[in-house]
Protein backbone atom coordinates (compact mmCIF):
# COMPACT_ATOMS: atom_id res chain seq x y z
CA MET A 1 -49.80 61.16 16.73
CA ILE A 2 -53.41 62.43 16.75
CA PRO A 3 -55.04 62.28 20.06
CA LYS A 4 -58.08 59.80 20.37
CA TYR A 5 -60.30 58.79 23.21
CA HIS A 6 -61.27 55.13 24.27
CA ASP A 7 -63.47 54.02 26.81
CA ARG A 8 -60.67 52.68 28.97
CA ILE A 9 -58.27 55.30 28.72
CA TYR A 10 -58.16 55.47 32.69
CA ALA A 11 -56.37 52.05 32.63
CA GLY A 12 -53.22 53.75 31.43
CA ILE A 13 -53.11 53.43 27.94
CA ASN A 14 -52.73 57.16 27.04
CA THR A 15 -53.98 57.76 23.58
CA ILE A 16 -54.46 61.67 24.19
CA SER A 17 -51.01 62.45 25.34
CA CYS A 18 -50.28 65.14 28.05
CA PRO A 19 -52.76 67.71 29.32
CA SER A 20 -50.91 70.37 27.38
CA VAL A 21 -52.70 68.84 24.27
CA LEU A 22 -55.99 70.09 25.70
CA THR A 23 -57.97 73.27 25.52
CA PHE A 24 -61.16 74.18 27.00
CA ARG A 25 -63.26 77.01 28.44
CA ASN A 26 -62.32 77.40 32.17
CA GLU A 27 -66.02 77.52 33.20
CA ASN A 28 -66.68 75.39 36.28
CA PRO A 29 -63.34 73.43 35.79
CA LEU A 30 -62.83 69.78 36.69
CA LEU A 31 -59.65 69.54 38.91
CA LEU A 32 -57.07 67.03 38.96
CA ASP A 33 -57.07 64.06 41.47
CA GLU A 34 -54.12 64.92 43.65
CA SER A 35 -54.26 61.25 45.13
CA LEU A 36 -52.86 60.14 41.95
CA ASN A 37 -49.33 60.52 40.49
CA TRP A 38 -49.16 58.46 37.61
CA LEU A 39 -52.47 58.31 35.84
CA VAL A 40 -53.39 61.85 36.71
CA ASP A 41 -53.81 62.74 33.22
CA VAL A 42 -55.63 59.65 31.77
CA GLU A 43 -58.25 59.83 35.05
CA TYR A 44 -58.91 63.39 34.26
CA TYR A 45 -59.62 62.78 30.71
CA LYS A 46 -62.21 60.09 31.72
CA ARG A 47 -63.69 62.64 33.80
CA LEU A 48 -63.92 65.02 31.26
CA TYR A 49 -65.46 62.50 28.99
CA ASN A 50 -68.08 61.59 31.88
CA ARG A 51 -68.70 65.32 31.97
CA TYR A 52 -68.64 66.52 28.04
CA GLY A 53 -68.72 63.54 25.96
CA LEU A 54 -66.05 62.73 23.31
CA PRO A 55 -63.41 65.49 22.76
CA PHE A 56 -63.27 67.40 19.67
CA ILE A 57 -59.76 66.44 17.80
CA ILE A 58 -57.86 68.98 15.81
CA GLU A 59 -55.90 66.66 13.63
CA ASP A 60 -53.39 69.61 12.82
CA ILE A 61 -50.15 69.64 14.90
CA CYS A 62 -50.49 72.51 17.78
CA THR A 63 -47.81 70.92 20.35
CA VAL A 64 -44.99 69.01 20.25
CA ASN A 65 -43.93 66.79 23.43
CA ARG A 66 -40.93 64.73 24.03
CA GLU A 67 -40.21 61.84 25.92
CA SER A 68 -37.36 61.73 28.45
CA GLU A 69 -35.52 59.61 30.76
CA ILE A 70 -36.26 61.78 33.44
CA SER A 71 -39.84 61.62 33.11
CA LEU A 72 -42.19 60.29 35.76
CA THR A 73 -43.03 57.18 33.40
CA ASN A 74 -39.59 56.13 33.27
CA MET A 75 -38.62 57.29 37.13
CA ILE A 76 -41.64 55.67 39.01
CA LYS A 77 -41.35 52.23 40.25
CA ILE A 78 -43.47 49.26 38.52
CA SER A 79 -44.81 48.57 41.87
CA GLU A 80 -46.28 52.21 42.23
CA LYS A 81 -47.60 51.93 38.52
CA GLN A 82 -49.50 48.61 39.03
CA GLU A 83 -50.73 49.89 42.50
CA GLU A 84 -52.24 53.09 41.05
CA THR A 85 -53.53 51.44 38.02
CA LEU A 86 -55.23 48.88 39.77
CA ARG A 87 -57.04 51.63 41.93
CA VAL A 88 -58.22 53.76 39.30
CA ILE A 89 -59.67 50.66 37.20
CA LYS A 90 -61.51 49.68 40.56
CA MET A 91 -62.63 53.27 40.89
CA TYR A 92 -64.43 53.16 37.28
CA GLU A 93 -65.18 49.60 36.69
CA ASN A 94 -66.82 48.99 39.98
CA THR A 95 -69.18 52.11 39.23
CA GLN A 96 -70.10 50.59 36.06
CA ASN A 97 -71.76 47.25 37.22
């Protein structure tokens, strides 16, 4: 897939992929939110957007990611996904009012 950013990426619809598809200068880096388990990547993408704006997308294939039955997405409980998703949505949507 070609990565793309959308305004509600933090809500769990990951259209970018895993962080291995990113490249950026390591000047004053943003750190991952260690309180998150499942949405750590998409919440990070939201904060990158807030700091730097839309990403520049390279449409050439530069990395390959595979899905696995032992990935966190497939192993985490639905209730944990729901709780974390609601928590992240509240974090961003309450600050936009």
